[in-house]
């Protein structure tokens, strides 16, 4: 069985990856800017929430 801690840390990694993807989408201009901004916004909010959970729980 997978523990809950795994999903906390995995979520933090996924949101960091989405942050990088959002920045690259804005820089490369293959899609409209608003798509990159939405992904970037989701990534930033996810990093804040998941980062807060990981810091409060494990440190």
Protein backbone atom coordinates (compact mmCIF):
# COMPACT_ATOMS: atom_id res chain seq x y z
CA UNK A 1 0.00 0.00 0.00
CA UNK A 2 1.24 3.48 -0.88
CA UNK A 3 1.51 5.88 2.03
CA UNK A 4 0.07 9.39 2.09
CA UNK A 5 3.55 10.90 2.41
CA UNK A 6 4.37 9.62 -1.06
CA UNK A 7 1.51 11.61 -2.59
CA UNK A 8 2.49 14.80 -0.75
CA UNK A 9 6.03 14.72 -2.08
CA UNK A 10 4.96 13.43 -5.51
CA UNK A 11 2.47 16.31 -5.79
CA UNK A 12 5.19 18.80 -4.99
CA UNK A 13 7.38 17.34 -7.75
CA UNK A 14 4.51 17.35 -10.26
CA UNK A 15 3.67 20.99 -9.55
CA UNK A 16 7.35 21.94 -9.93
CA UNK A 17 7.34 20.15 -13.29
CA UNK A 18 4.17 22.01 -14.33
CA UNK A 19 5.86 25.28 -13.37
CA UNK A 20 8.75 24.52 -15.72
CA UNK A 21 6.34 23.46 -18.49
CA UNK A 22 4.34 26.68 -18.06
CA UNK A 23 7.44 28.86 -18.28
CA UNK A 24 8.64 27.01 -21.38
CA UNK A 25 5.21 27.34 -23.00
CA UNK A 26 5.25 31.10 -22.49
CA UNK A 27 8.78 31.43 -23.85
CA UNK A 28 8.38 29.24 -26.97
CA UNK A 29 5.14 30.89 -28.21
CA UNK A 30 3.78 27.74 -29.90
CA UNK A 31 0.44 28.15 -28.13
CA UNK A 32 -1.40 31.29 -27.06
CA UNK A 33 0.04 32.97 -23.98
CA UNK A 34 -3.11 32.40 -21.92
CA UNK A 35 -2.59 28.62 -22.02
CA UNK A 36 0.88 28.97 -20.52
CA UNK A 37 -0.39 31.44 -17.92
CA UNK A 38 -3.15 29.07 -16.79
CA UNK A 39 -0.70 26.18 -16.41
CA UNK A 40 1.70 28.51 -14.60
CA UNK A 41 -1.08 29.69 -12.27
CA UNK A 42 -2.12 26.11 -11.46
CA UNK A 43 1.51 25.20 -10.82
CA UNK A 44 2.15 28.17 -8.52
CA UNK A 45 -1.01 27.57 -6.49
CA UNK A 46 -0.22 23.85 -6.26
CA UNK A 47 3.33 24.56 -5.15
CA UNK A 48 2.07 26.90 -2.44
CA UNK A 49 -0.52 24.46 -1.09
CA UNK A 50 1.54 21.28 -1.41
CA UNK A 51 4.71 23.01 -0.25
CA UNK A 52 2.93 24.26 2.85
CA UNK A 53 1.65 20.75 3.61
CA UNK A 54 5.08 19.16 3.13
CA UNK A 55 6.90 21.80 5.20
CA UNK A 56 4.38 21.70 8.07
CA UNK A 57 4.22 17.89 8.12
CA UNK A 58 7.84 16.86 7.63
CA UNK A 59 9.99 19.75 8.88
